[in-house]
Every structure is written in C-alpha cells, then in structure tokens.
Amino acid sequence: MAQYESNPVIIYQQDEWVRINNYQLYPLEDLIQLWYLLNKQICVILNNTSKDNLQRSCQTESLHIIEWLAKDYIKHMKHHLHQALGLDPIAYP
C-alpha cells in the first residue's frame, strides 16, 4: 500500500490484468457488481487515509501523489463503465 511505503512503485500492466481476469467474458451484471464492491472498498480505504498520506509520492509510469492516482482512477473507471454499458464514450486519459 503506497501510503505505508517510503518509495512505492506501482506497476499496472493493463493488458495482462484484463487477460488474466478474463473481464471480456464476464456477465455484465457480475462485472458491474464486482466493480461496485471493489470501488466501495477503495472508498473506505481513501476515507481512512490521512491527508498527509494522500500527498505521498509513488512511482507509476511517472511520479504522482496518491491523491492524483485516486482521481485518475475515477476517470479510468468511468471510461470503462461507459464502454461496458454502451454509453457515450469518455476519453481517457
């Protein structure tokens, strides 16, 4: 967890993550429920993360603070949610 490590490095290999989770074959209702529950837990974690820890840096492809990662994640999820539900596209990034 980035808020507890001195110099965290977060590597997200999106194509591999999708492949191993086999999201494209998930029933849509199950996928939405999975996303709902995972995001609900992420909200709990973020609500319990101090403001100081939200300002901690972590390395992804670029150096970011945790707060930026959380906001970027919301944009990323909205993009995929619109894809899954066939809604008007939301550009990401």
N, C-alpha and C. Protein backbone atom coordinates (compact mmCIF):
# COMPACT_ATOMS: atom_id res chain seq x y z
N MET A 1 0.85 -1.18 0.00
CA MET A 1 0.00 0.00 0.00
C MET A 1 0.89 1.23 0.00
N ALA A 2 0.67 2.05 -0.99
CA ALA A 2 1.54 3.19 -1.22
C ALA A 2 1.63 4.13 -0.02
N GLN A 3 0.58 4.24 0.77
CA GLN A 3 0.62 5.19 1.87
C GLN A 3 1.49 4.72 3.03
N TYR A 4 2.00 3.48 2.98
CA TYR A 4 2.82 2.97 4.07
C TYR A 4 4.25 2.67 3.65
N GLU A 5 4.58 2.81 2.39
CA GLU A 5 5.92 2.53 1.90
C GLU A 5 6.67 3.83 1.68
N SER A 6 7.99 3.79 1.83
CA SER A 6 8.80 5.00 1.66
C SER A 6 8.82 5.47 0.21
N ASN A 7 9.09 4.58 -0.71
CA ASN A 7 9.17 4.93 -2.13
C ASN A 7 8.45 3.87 -2.96
N PRO A 8 7.13 3.83 -2.87
CA PRO A 8 6.40 2.77 -3.57
C PRO A 8 6.48 2.89 -5.09
N VAL A 9 6.49 1.75 -5.72
CA VAL A 9 6.44 1.68 -7.18
C VAL A 9 5.22 0.82 -7.52
N ILE A 10 4.32 1.39 -8.29
CA ILE A 10 3.10 0.69 -8.67
C ILE A 10 3.18 0.42 -10.17
N ILE A 11 3.17 -0.83 -10.53
CA ILE A 11 3.23 -1.20 -11.93
C ILE A 11 1.88 -1.81 -12.30
N TYR A 12 1.26 -1.24 -13.29
CA TYR A 12 -0.06 -1.69 -13.74
C TYR A 12 0.06 -2.10 -15.19
N GLN A 13 0.06 -3.37 -15.43
CA GLN A 13 0.11 -3.89 -16.79
C GLN A 13 -1.31 -4.22 -17.22
N GLN A 14 -1.97 -3.21 -17.77
CA GLN A 14 -3.40 -3.29 -18.05
C GLN A 14 -3.78 -4.49 -18.90
N ASP A 15 -3.06 -4.73 -19.98
CA ASP A 15 -3.42 -5.84 -20.87
C ASP A 15 -3.35 -7.18 -20.16
N GLU A 16 -2.32 -7.37 -19.36
CA GLU A 16 -2.18 -8.63 -18.60
C GLU A 16 -3.26 -8.76 -17.53
N TRP A 17 -3.58 -7.65 -16.88
CA TRP A 17 -4.61 -7.64 -15.83
C TRP A 17 -5.96 -8.06 -16.43
N VAL A 18 -6.29 -7.48 -17.58
CA VAL A 18 -7.56 -7.81 -18.24
C VAL A 18 -7.56 -9.27 -18.70
N ARG A 19 -6.44 -9.69 -19.28
CA ARG A 19 -6.36 -11.06 -19.79
C ARG A 19 -6.56 -12.08 -18.66
N ILE A 20 -5.84 -11.92 -17.57
CA ILE A 20 -5.90 -12.93 -16.50
C ILE A 20 -7.24 -12.90 -15.76
N ASN A 21 -7.89 -11.73 -15.73
CA ASN A 21 -9.21 -11.64 -15.10
C ASN A 21 -10.34 -12.04 -16.04
N ASN A 22 -10.03 -12.10 -17.33
CA ASN A 22 -10.99 -12.54 -18.34
C ASN A 22 -12.27 -11.70 -18.31
N TYR A 23 -12.10 -10.39 -18.10
CA TYR A 23 -13.26 -9.49 -17.99
C TYR A 23 -14.18 -9.54 -19.20
N GLN A 24 -13.60 -9.73 -20.39
CA GLN A 24 -14.43 -9.69 -21.59
C GLN A 24 -15.46 -10.81 -21.63
N LEU A 25 -15.28 -11.88 -20.85
CA LEU A 25 -16.25 -12.97 -20.82
C LEU A 25 -17.13 -12.95 -19.56
N TYR A 26 -16.93 -11.94 -18.70
CA TYR A 26 -17.77 -11.81 -17.50
C TYR A 26 -19.19 -11.46 -17.91
N PRO A 27 -20.18 -12.00 -17.26
CA PRO A 27 -21.54 -11.48 -17.45
C PRO A 27 -21.54 -10.01 -16.99
N LEU A 28 -22.12 -9.13 -17.77
CA LEU A 28 -22.07 -7.70 -17.48
C LEU A 28 -22.57 -7.38 -16.08
N GLU A 29 -23.65 -7.99 -15.67
CA GLU A 29 -24.20 -7.72 -14.32
C GLU A 29 -23.18 -8.08 -13.24
N ASP A 30 -22.48 -9.20 -13.39
CA ASP A 30 -21.46 -9.60 -12.42
C ASP A 30 -20.29 -8.64 -12.41
N LEU A 31 -19.89 -8.19 -13.59
CA LEU A 31 -18.77 -7.26 -13.69
C LEU A 31 -19.10 -5.94 -13.00
N ILE A 32 -20.29 -5.43 -13.23
CA ILE A 32 -20.71 -4.18 -12.58
C ILE A 32 -20.76 -4.36 -11.07
N GLN A 33 -21.26 -5.49 -10.61
CA GLN A 33 -21.31 -5.76 -9.16
C GLN A 33 -19.90 -5.85 -8.58
N LEU A 34 -18.99 -6.52 -9.29
CA LEU A 34 -17.59 -6.61 -8.85
C LEU A 34 -16.99 -5.22 -8.74
N TRP A 35 -17.15 -4.41 -9.79
CA TRP A 35 -16.62 -3.05 -9.76
C TRP A 35 -17.23 -2.25 -8.62
N TYR A 36 -18.53 -2.40 -8.42
CA TYR A 36 -19.21 -1.67 -7.35
C TYR A 36 -18.58 -2.01 -5.99
N LEU A 37 -18.44 -3.30 -5.71
CA LEU A 37 -17.91 -3.71 -4.41
C LEU A 37 -16.44 -3.33 -4.24
N LEU A 38 -15.64 -3.49 -5.28
CA LEU A 38 -14.23 -3.10 -5.19
C LEU A 38 -14.11 -1.59 -4.96
N ASN A 39 -14.89 -0.83 -5.69
CA ASN A 39 -14.82 0.62 -5.54
C ASN A 39 -15.37 1.09 -4.20
N LYS A 40 -16.34 0.38 -3.69
CA LYS A 40 -16.85 0.70 -2.36
C LYS A 40 -15.73 0.53 -1.32
N GLN A 41 -14.94 -0.54 -1.46
CA GLN A 41 -13.84 -0.76 -0.53
C GLN A 41 -12.72 0.27 -0.73
N ILE A 42 -12.47 0.63 -1.97
CA ILE A 42 -11.47 1.68 -2.23
C ILE A 42 -11.89 2.98 -1.57
N CYS A 43 -13.18 3.30 -1.59
CA CYS A 43 -13.68 4.50 -0.90
C CYS A 43 -13.43 4.43 0.60
N VAL A 44 -13.64 3.27 1.18
CA VAL A 44 -13.36 3.09 2.61
C VAL A 44 -11.89 3.38 2.89
N ILE A 45 -11.03 2.80 2.07
CA ILE A 45 -9.58 2.99 2.26
C ILE A 45 -9.22 4.47 2.13
N LEU A 46 -9.70 5.11 1.07
CA LEU A 46 -9.36 6.52 0.87
C LEU A 46 -9.92 7.41 1.98
N ASN A 47 -11.12 7.10 2.45
CA ASN A 47 -11.70 7.88 3.55
C ASN A 47 -10.93 7.71 4.85
N ASN A 48 -10.21 6.62 4.96
CA ASN A 48 -9.42 6.36 6.16
C ASN A 48 -7.94 6.66 5.97
N THR A 49 -7.59 7.26 4.86
CA THR A 49 -6.22 7.65 4.58
C THR A 49 -6.06 9.12 4.95
N SER A 50 -5.04 9.42 5.74
CA SER A 50 -4.84 10.80 6.18
C SER A 50 -4.51 11.72 5.01
N LYS A 51 -4.79 13.01 5.20
CA LYS A 51 -4.46 13.99 4.16
C LYS A 51 -2.97 14.00 3.87
N ASP A 52 -2.16 13.81 4.90
CA ASP A 52 -0.71 13.75 4.69
C ASP A 52 -0.33 12.57 3.80
N ASN A 53 -0.93 11.42 4.07
CA ASN A 53 -0.61 10.24 3.25
C ASN A 53 -1.12 10.37 1.82
N LEU A 54 -2.21 11.10 1.62
CA LEU A 54 -2.70 11.32 0.26
C LEU A 54 -1.72 12.15 -0.56
N GLN A 55 -0.84 12.87 0.12
CA GLN A 55 0.15 13.70 -0.57
C GLN A 55 1.48 12.97 -0.79
N ARG A 56 1.55 11.72 -0.35
CA ARG A 56 2.79 10.95 -0.54
C ARG A 56 2.95 10.60 -2.01
N SER A 57 4.20 10.55 -2.42
CA SER A 57 4.53 10.23 -3.80
C SER A 57 4.63 8.73 -4.01
N CYS A 58 4.30 8.32 -5.19
CA CYS A 58 4.55 6.94 -5.60
C CYS A 58 4.85 6.95 -7.09
N GLN A 59 5.63 5.99 -7.49
CA GLN A 59 6.09 5.91 -8.87
C GLN A 59 5.21 4.96 -9.66
N THR A 60 4.62 5.46 -10.73
CA THR A 60 3.96 4.59 -11.72
C THR A 60 4.80 4.77 -12.97
N GLU A 61 4.19 5.02 -14.11
CA GLU A 61 4.98 5.37 -15.29
C GLU A 61 5.64 6.72 -15.06
N SER A 62 5.01 7.55 -14.23
CA SER A 62 5.51 8.86 -13.82
C SER A 62 5.37 8.97 -12.32
N LEU A 63 5.97 9.98 -11.75
CA LEU A 63 5.85 10.22 -10.31
C LEU A 63 4.54 10.96 -10.05
N HIS A 64 3.73 10.46 -9.14
CA HIS A 64 2.44 11.07 -8.79
C HIS A 64 2.27 11.01 -7.28
N ILE A 65 1.27 11.77 -6.81
CA ILE A 65 0.87 11.61 -5.41
C ILE A 65 -0.35 10.69 -5.39
N ILE A 66 -0.59 10.11 -4.23
CA ILE A 66 -1.70 9.16 -4.08
C ILE A 66 -3.04 9.82 -4.43
N GLU A 67 -3.23 11.06 -4.01
CA GLU A 67 -4.48 11.76 -4.32
C GLU A 67 -4.70 11.84 -5.83
N TRP A 68 -3.66 12.12 -6.60
CA TRP A 68 -3.77 12.17 -8.06
C TRP A 68 -4.18 10.79 -8.59
N LEU A 69 -3.55 9.72 -8.06
CA LEU A 69 -3.88 8.37 -8.51
C LEU A 69 -5.36 8.06 -8.28
N ALA A 70 -5.87 8.47 -7.12
CA ALA A 70 -7.28 8.21 -6.81
C ALA A 70 -8.19 8.93 -7.80
N LYS A 71 -7.89 10.18 -8.10
CA LYS A 71 -8.72 10.95 -9.04
C LYS A 71 -8.60 10.38 -10.45
N ASP A 72 -7.40 9.98 -10.84
CA ASP A 72 -7.20 9.39 -12.15
C ASP A 72 -7.95 8.06 -12.26
N TYR A 73 -7.97 7.30 -11.18
CA TYR A 73 -8.69 6.02 -11.16
C TYR A 73 -10.18 6.23 -11.44
N ILE A 74 -10.74 7.27 -10.88
CA ILE A 74 -12.17 7.56 -11.11
C ILE A 74 -12.41 7.80 -12.59
N LYS A 75 -11.55 8.61 -13.22
CA LYS A 75 -11.69 8.86 -14.66
C LYS A 75 -11.56 7.56 -15.45
N HIS A 76 -10.61 6.74 -15.06
CA HIS A 76 -10.36 5.46 -15.74
C HIS A 76 -11.59 4.55 -15.63
N MET A 77 -12.16 4.46 -14.44
CA MET A 77 -13.33 3.60 -14.24
C MET A 77 -14.54 4.12 -15.01
N LYS A 78 -14.74 5.43 -15.02
CA LYS A 78 -15.86 5.99 -15.79
C LYS A 78 -15.72 5.66 -17.27
N HIS A 79 -14.49 5.75 -17.76
CA HIS A 79 -14.21 5.41 -19.16
C HIS A 79 -14.65 3.97 -19.45
N HIS A 80 -14.23 3.03 -18.58
CA HIS A 80 -14.57 1.63 -18.80
C HIS A 80 -16.05 1.33 -18.54
N LEU A 81 -16.63 1.99 -17.59
CA LEU A 81 -18.06 1.81 -17.32
C LEU A 81 -18.88 2.23 -18.53
N HIS A 82 -18.53 3.34 -19.12
CA HIS A 82 -19.24 3.79 -20.33
C HIS A 82 -19.04 2.81 -21.47
N GLN A 83 -17.83 2.25 -21.58
CA GLN A 83 -17.58 1.23 -22.61
C GLN A 83 -18.49 0.02 -22.38
N ALA A 84 -18.52 -0.47 -21.16
CA ALA A 84 -19.25 -1.70 -20.85
C ALA A 84 -20.75 -1.52 -21.04
N LEU A 85 -21.25 -0.33 -20.73
CA LEU A 85 -22.69 -0.09 -20.81
C LEU A 85 -23.13 0.49 -22.15
N GLY A 86 -22.18 0.70 -23.06
CA GLY A 86 -22.52 1.24 -24.36
C GLY A 86 -22.98 2.69 -24.32
N LEU A 87 -22.49 3.45 -23.34
CA LEU A 87 -22.84 4.87 -23.22
C LEU A 87 -21.89 5.70 -24.07
N ASP A 88 -22.19 6.98 -24.19
CA ASP A 88 -21.30 7.88 -24.93
C ASP A 88 -19.89 7.75 -24.33
N PRO A 89 -18.89 7.66 -25.19
CA PRO A 89 -17.53 7.47 -24.71
C PRO A 89 -17.04 8.64 -23.86
N ILE A 90 -16.23 8.30 -22.89
CA ILE A 90 -15.50 9.28 -22.09
C ILE A 90 -14.03 9.06 -22.40
N ALA A 91 -13.39 10.10 -22.87
CA ALA A 91 -11.98 9.98 -23.24
C ALA A 91 -11.13 9.72 -22.00
N TYR A 92 -10.19 8.83 -22.14
CA TYR A 92 -9.22 8.58 -21.09
C TYR A 92 -7.90 8.24 -21.76
N PRO A 93 -6.83 8.82 -21.39
CA PRO A 93 -6.68 9.87 -20.39
C PRO A 93 -7.09 11.17 -20.87
